[in-house]
Structure formats: C-alpha cells, structure tokens
C-alpha atoms as a PDB file:
ATOM      1  CA  MET A   1     194.454 227.715  -2.019  1.00  0.00           C
ATOM      2  CA  PRO A   2     190.727 228.324  -2.398  1.00  0.00           C
ATOM      3  CA  THR A   3     188.833 231.151  -0.808  1.00  0.00           C
ATOM      4  CA  PHE A   4     186.714 230.386   2.246  1.00  0.00           C
ATOM      5  CA  GLU A   5     183.573 230.527   0.109  1.00  0.00           C
ATOM      6  CA  GLU A   6     185.048 228.192  -2.518  1.00  0.00           C
ATOM      7  CA  ALA A   7     186.066 225.738   0.202  1.00  0.00           C
ATOM      8  CA  ILE A   8     182.567 225.743   1.709  1.00  0.00           C
ATOM      9  CA  LYS A   9     181.025 225.192  -1.722  1.00  0.00           C
ATOM     10  CA  ARG A  10     183.393 222.295  -2.402  1.00  0.00           C
ATOM     11  CA  LEU A  11     182.603 220.791   1.010  1.00  0.00           C
ATOM     12  CA  GLU A  12     178.910 220.867   0.111  1.00  0.00           C
ATOM     13  CA  GLU A  13     179.693 219.112  -3.180  1.00  0.00           C
ATOM     14  CA  ILE A  14     181.702 216.470  -1.337  1.00  0.00           C
ATOM     15  CA  VAL A  15     178.896 215.828   1.137  1.00  0.00           C
ATOM     16  CA  ASN A  16     176.398 215.468  -1.710  1.00  0.00           C
ATOM     17  CA  GLU A  17     178.707 213.044  -3.492  1.00  0.00           C
ATOM     18  CA  LEU A  18     179.337 210.967  -0.351  1.00  0.00           C
ATOM     19  CA  GLU A  19     175.602 210.698   0.310  1.00  0.00           C
ATOM     20  CA  LYS A  20     175.146 208.777  -2.942  1.00  0.00           C
ATOM     21  CA  GLU A  21     174.925 205.031  -2.490  1.00  0.00           C
ATOM     22  CA  ASP A  22     176.985 204.042  -5.520  1.00  0.00           C
ATOM     23  CA  VAL A  23     180.268 205.805  -4.702  1.00  0.00           C
ATOM     24  CA  PRO A  24     183.185 203.336  -4.742  1.00  0.00           C
ATOM     25  CA  LEU A  25     185.139 202.934  -1.516  1.00  0.00           C
ATOM     26  CA  GLU A  26     188.386 204.404  -2.858  1.00  0.00           C
ATOM     27  CA  LYS A  27     186.595 207.464  -4.234  1.00  0.00           C
ATOM     28  CA  SER A  28     184.745 207.872  -0.927  1.00  0.00           C
ATOM     29  CA  LEU A  29     188.039 207.825   0.945  1.00  0.00           C
ATOM     30  CA  ALA A  30     189.593 210.376  -1.422  1.00  0.00           C
ATOM     31  CA  LEU A  31     186.560 212.647  -1.062  1.00  0.00           C
ATOM     32  CA  PHE A  32     186.648 212.260   2.718  1.00  0.00           C
ATOM     33  CA  GLU A  33     190.340 213.196   2.826  1.00  0.00           C
ATOM     34  CA  GLU A  34     189.692 216.247   0.655  1.00  0.00           C
ATOM     35  CA  GLY A  35     186.807 217.208   2.928  1.00  0.00           C
ATOM     36  CA  VAL A  36     188.959 216.948   6.047  1.00  0.00           C
ATOM     37  CA  LYS A  37     191.608 219.193   4.489  1.00  0.00           C
ATOM     38  CA  LEU A  38     189.002 221.745   3.426  1.00  0.00           C
ATOM     39  CA  SER A  39     187.372 221.622   6.848  1.00  0.00           C
ATOM     40  CA  ARG A  40     190.705 222.345   8.546  1.00  0.00           C
ATOM     41  CA  PHE A  41     191.366 225.170   6.072  1.00  0.00           C
ATOM     42  CA  CYS A  42     187.971 226.713   6.879  1.00  0.00           C
ATOM     43  CA  ARG A  43     188.549 226.344  10.641  1.00  0.00           C
ATOM     44  CA  GLU A  44     191.908 228.125  10.331  1.00  0.00           C
ATOM     45  CA  LYS A  45     190.283 230.944   8.347  1.00  0.00           C
ATOM     46  CA  LEU A  46     187.522 231.311  10.932  1.00  0.00           C
ATOM     47  CA  ASP A  47     190.054 231.318  13.780  1.00  0.00           C
ATOM     48  CA  ALA A  48     192.050 234.061  12.025  1.00  0.00           C
ATOM     49  CA  VAL A  49     188.924 236.152  11.515  1.00  0.00           C
ATOM     50  CA  GLU A  50     187.946 235.681  15.164  1.00  0.00           C
ATOM     51  CA  LYS A  51     191.371 236.973  16.265  1.00  0.00           C
ATOM     52  CA  LYS A  52     190.998 240.020  14.024  1.00  0.00           C
ATOM     53  CA  ILE A  53     187.550 240.697  15.449  1.00  0.00           C
ATOM     54  CA  ASP A  54     188.932 240.415  18.985  1.00  0.00           C
ATOM     55  CA  ILE A  55     191.552 243.041  18.119  1.00  0.00           C
ATOM     56  CA  LEU A  56     188.878 245.345  16.737  1.00  0.00           C
ATOM     57  CA  LEU A  57     186.701 244.893  19.821  1.00  0.00           C
ATOM     58  CA  LYS A  58     189.384 245.708  22.384  1.00  0.00           C
ATOM     59  CA  ASP A  59     188.407 248.626  24.530  1.00  0.00           C
ATOM     60  CA  GLU A  60     190.694 251.462  25.588  1.00  0.00           C
ATOM     61  CA  LYS A  61     192.052 249.326  28.445  1.00  0.00           C
ATOM     62  CA  GLY A  62     192.972 246.514  26.079  1.00  0.00           C
ATOM     63  CA  LEU A  63     190.176 244.277  27.315  1.00  0.00           C
ATOM     64  CA  ILE A  64     188.085 242.415  24.782  1.00  0.00           C
ATOM     65  CA  ARG A  65     184.385 243.147  24.978  1.00  0.00           C
ATOM     66  CA  ARG A  66     182.665 239.967  23.895  1.00  0.00           C
ATOM     67  CA  GLU A  67     178.965 239.955  23.340  1.00  0.00           C
ATOM     68  CA  PRO A  68     177.100 236.786  22.476  1.00  0.00           C
ATOM     69  CA  PHE A  69     175.781 236.736  18.943  1.00  0.00           C
ATOM     70  CA  SER A  70     172.080 236.246  18.564  1.00  0.00           C
ATOM     71  CA  PHE A  71     169.848 236.188  15.538  1.00  0.00           C
ATOM     72  CA  PRO A  72     167.077 238.772  15.275  1.00  0.00           C
ATOM     73  CA  PRO A  73     163.768 237.332  16.615  1.00  0.00           C
ATOM     74  CA  GLU A  74     162.204 236.923  13.161  1.00  0.00           C
ATOM     75  CA  GLU A  75     165.266 235.098  11.844  1.00  0.00           C
ATOM     76  CA  THR A  76     165.352 232.817  14.889  1.00  0.00           C
ATOM     77  CA  ALA A  77     161.744 231.843  14.248  1.00  0.00           C
ATOM     78  CA  ASN A  78     162.535 231.044  10.619  1.00  0.00           C
ATOM     79  CA  ARG A  79     165.619 229.009  11.539  1.00  0.00           C
ATOM     80  CA  SER A  80     163.739 226.800  13.990  1.00  0.00           C
ATOM     81  CA  LYS A  81     161.397 225.741  11.189  1.00  0.00           C
ATOM     82  CA  ASP A  82     164.342 224.426   9.184  1.00  0.00           C
ATOM     83  CA  TYR A  83     165.211 221.726  11.740  1.00  0.00           C
END
C-alpha cells in the first residue's frame, strides 16, 4: 500500500492523464478505477488521523475540544488569488 503522500501524487498524475484528449476509453476507465481506490485510501487515512487528533484533544472530562481551523490572514489572502 502506498503512503498518503504517494497516493496523492499518483492521484495528481491520474488527473493529468485523464485531462488529455487522446486517452483511449479503456485506459481512461482503468485510470478512473485506480483513482477511486486511491481516493478511498486517502479518505480512510484522513479519517484515522482525525480520530487520533480527537483523542489528543480530549479534555480532562473526556470531551473533545474542537476548534475550527483557519488559515492565517496572509495565507488566506494568497489562497483567494489562486481561484
């Protein structure tokens, strides 16, 4: 099984390949199937990490303290330019 980072990199490669106009149908389907599997793998990894974070964030009463994540102001400004 790949690492999370390897799976993300491969997903990017698959997307780039699927965006080409000359990809045969059968190859497109195979790439799509591989992408779905990698996407599910990544989702499972992220879910597992989220559960670990929840455990680490439990307070002394066993309640999870969740705080919304936000980018620093300068990073938010840079991100909005990308879209």
